[in-house]
Amino acid sequence: MKKIGVIDGQGGGIGSLIIKRLREELGESVEIIALGTNSTATSSMMKARANKGATGENAIIFNVNKVDIIVGPLSIILSNGFLGELTPAIAKAISSSMTTKKFLLPLNQENVEIMAVAKEPLPHLIDYLIKRIKEEKDV
C-alpha cells in the first residue's frame, strides 16, 4: 500500500482538499499521513480523512522518508514558506529526500512563479495531481 504524506500549514485548507479528493478517487487503497506545520492544519487534514496525523518540524522531518509520495504546495520546499511556519529544516528535509517522490502544486503564495506552467484553479491542479498519483505503480 502506498503511503502519501500531505504537507500543509496555516489552516490546512489546501491539504484538506487534497486529502478529500485522494479519498474520493483512491478510497482506502492508500495510507494518507497528514503532516501539518501546526495543530490547526493537522486537525483540518485529519477531518478530511487522513489515516494518521503528525504536527511540527520534527514530525515532518521524521516522516519525509517514511512515505512514498509527498504532496503539497510548492511552498513546502521554500524556507520560511507559509508565512514563516515552514522552517528551513523542513524545506531542506523535503527537498533533500531522494527516495520520496514529490508532487508539488504550483500555487503562487510566496512570490515564486514557475514559468511555463498554465495558471489553473486549485481544483484543476488537484485533478491533475490525482491523475499523476494514479499513474504510480501499486496505487
Protein backbone atom coordinates (compact mmCIF):
# COMPACT_ATOMS: atom_id res chain seq x y z
CA MET A 1 0.00 0.00 0.00
CA LYS A 2 1.36 3.40 -0.99
CA LYS A 3 1.88 5.95 1.76
CA ILE A 4 1.17 9.55 0.83
CA GLY A 5 2.30 12.40 3.07
CA VAL A 6 0.26 15.56 2.63
CA ILE A 7 2.04 18.64 3.99
CA ASP A 8 0.25 21.88 4.76
CA GLY A 9 0.34 24.77 7.18
CA GLN A 10 -1.72 27.70 8.39
CA GLY A 11 -5.35 26.43 8.32
CA GLY A 12 -4.70 23.23 6.35
CA GLY A 13 -7.26 24.10 3.66
CA ILE A 14 -5.16 23.04 0.68
CA GLY A 15 -4.14 19.78 2.36
CA SER A 16 -7.76 19.07 3.30
CA LEU A 17 -8.90 19.48 -0.29
CA ILE A 18 -6.12 17.19 -1.48
CA ILE A 19 -6.95 14.51 1.08
CA LYS A 20 -10.67 14.69 0.34
CA ARG A 21 -10.02 14.13 -3.38
CA LEU A 22 -7.50 11.35 -2.72
CA ARG A 23 -10.13 9.54 -0.64
CA GLU A 24 -12.81 10.05 -3.29
CA GLU A 25 -10.59 8.72 -6.07
CA LEU A 26 -8.44 6.11 -4.30
CA GLY A 27 -10.54 5.12 -1.29
CA GLU A 28 -8.65 3.08 1.28
CA SER A 29 -6.09 1.78 -1.24
CA VAL A 30 -3.57 4.34 0.05
CA GLU A 31 -2.46 5.40 3.51
CA ILE A 32 -2.57 9.16 3.92
CA ILE A 33 -0.47 10.85 6.58
CA ALA A 34 -1.37 14.47 7.37
CA LEU A 35 1.78 16.43 8.18
CA GLY A 36 0.91 19.85 9.49
CA THR A 37 3.22 22.68 10.41
CA ASN A 38 0.73 23.46 13.19
CA SER A 39 -2.05 21.64 15.02
CA THR A 40 -4.84 23.51 13.20
CA ALA A 41 -3.54 22.31 9.82
CA THR A 42 -3.13 18.73 11.06
CA SER A 43 -6.60 18.71 12.64
CA SER A 44 -8.19 20.03 9.46
CA MET A 45 -6.47 17.36 7.35
CA MET A 46 -7.49 14.62 9.82
CA LYS A 47 -11.13 15.71 9.45
CA ALA A 48 -10.69 15.22 5.69
CA ARG A 49 -10.00 11.51 6.48
CA ALA A 50 -6.23 11.15 6.67
CA ASN A 51 -5.22 7.87 8.33
CA LYS A 52 -2.69 9.45 10.66
CA GLY A 53 -1.51 12.92 11.54
CA ALA A 54 1.64 14.49 12.93
CA THR A 55 2.44 18.09 13.71
CA GLY A 56 5.53 20.28 13.68
CA GLU A 57 9.07 20.41 12.40
CA ASN A 58 10.36 17.18 13.93
CA ALA A 59 7.31 15.16 12.88
CA ILE A 60 7.55 16.34 9.28
CA ILE A 61 11.30 15.75 9.07
CA PHE A 62 10.90 12.30 10.64
CA ASN A 63 8.17 11.22 8.21
CA VAL A 64 9.54 12.63 4.95
CA ASN A 65 11.49 9.46 4.19
CA LYS A 66 8.79 7.11 5.50
CA VAL A 67 6.26 7.90 2.76
CA ASP A 68 6.32 7.04 -0.93
CA ILE A 69 4.89 10.35 -2.14
CA ILE A 70 4.86 13.85 -0.67
CA VAL A 71 2.11 16.20 -1.79
CA GLY A 72 1.66 19.89 -1.09
CA PRO A 73 2.02 23.36 -2.49
CA LEU A 74 5.37 24.48 -3.88
CA SER A 75 5.87 26.39 -0.61
CA ILE A 76 6.85 23.18 1.19
CA ILE A 77 10.32 23.31 -0.34
CA LEU A 78 10.81 27.03 0.32
CA SER A 79 12.43 28.10 3.58
CA ASN A 80 10.03 30.21 5.62
CA GLY A 81 7.02 29.32 3.47
CA PHE A 82 3.51 29.57 4.92
CA LEU A 83 4.29 32.97 6.47
CA GLY A 84 7.32 31.51 8.24
CA GLU A 85 5.70 28.32 9.53
CA LEU A 86 7.71 26.13 7.20
CA THR A 87 11.18 26.16 8.69
CA PRO A 88 14.41 25.95 6.71
CA ALA A 89 14.97 22.49 8.24
CA ILE A 90 11.61 21.23 6.93
CA ALA A 91 12.27 22.65 3.45
CA LYS A 92 15.72 21.03 3.42
CA ALA A 93 14.40 17.64 4.55
CA ILE A 94 11.70 17.60 1.88
CA SER A 95 13.86 18.84 -0.98
CA SER A 96 16.78 16.58 0.02
CA SER A 97 14.74 13.38 0.16
CA MET A 98 15.95 11.46 -2.88
CA THR A 99 13.80 8.35 -2.34
CA THR A 100 10.44 10.09 -1.99
CA LYS A 101 8.53 11.41 -5.00
CA LYS A 102 7.28 14.94 -4.61
CA PHE A 103 4.15 16.23 -6.32
CA LEU A 104 4.03 19.98 -5.75
CA LEU A 105 1.17 22.26 -6.70
CA PRO A 106 2.44 25.49 -8.33
CA LEU A 107 0.44 27.87 -6.17
CA ASN A 108 1.87 31.37 -6.10
CA GLN A 109 1.85 32.07 -2.37
CA GLU A 110 5.46 33.04 -1.74
CA ASN A 111 6.24 35.38 -4.64
CA VAL A 112 7.65 32.49 -6.65
CA GLU A 113 6.24 31.96 -10.09
CA ILE A 114 7.02 28.87 -12.14
CA MET A 115 7.41 29.71 -15.82
CA ALA A 116 5.63 27.69 -18.50
CA VAL A 117 3.03 26.25 -16.14
CA ALA A 118 -0.54 27.09 -17.01
CA LYS A 119 -2.34 29.04 -14.30
CA GLU A 120 -5.15 26.81 -13.17
CA PRO A 121 -7.54 26.98 -10.25
CA LEU A 122 -6.77 24.72 -7.29
CA PRO A 123 -9.46 22.11 -8.14
CA HIS A 124 -7.93 21.62 -11.62
CA LEU A 125 -4.45 21.26 -10.13
CA ILE A 126 -5.76 18.64 -7.72
CA ASP A 127 -7.41 16.78 -10.64
CA TYR A 128 -4.01 16.61 -12.33
CA LEU A 129 -2.35 15.57 -9.06
CA ILE A 130 -4.81 12.68 -8.61
CA LYS A 131 -4.17 11.58 -12.20
CA ARG A 132 -0.39 11.51 -11.59
CA ILE A 133 -0.72 9.57 -8.34
CA LYS A 134 -2.94 7.00 -10.08
CA GLU A 135 -0.19 6.53 -12.68
CA GLU A 136 2.24 5.43 -9.96
CA LYS A 137 2.70 1.68 -9.52
CA ASP A 138 0.68 -0.08 -6.84
CA VAL A 139 -1.94 2.61 -6.29
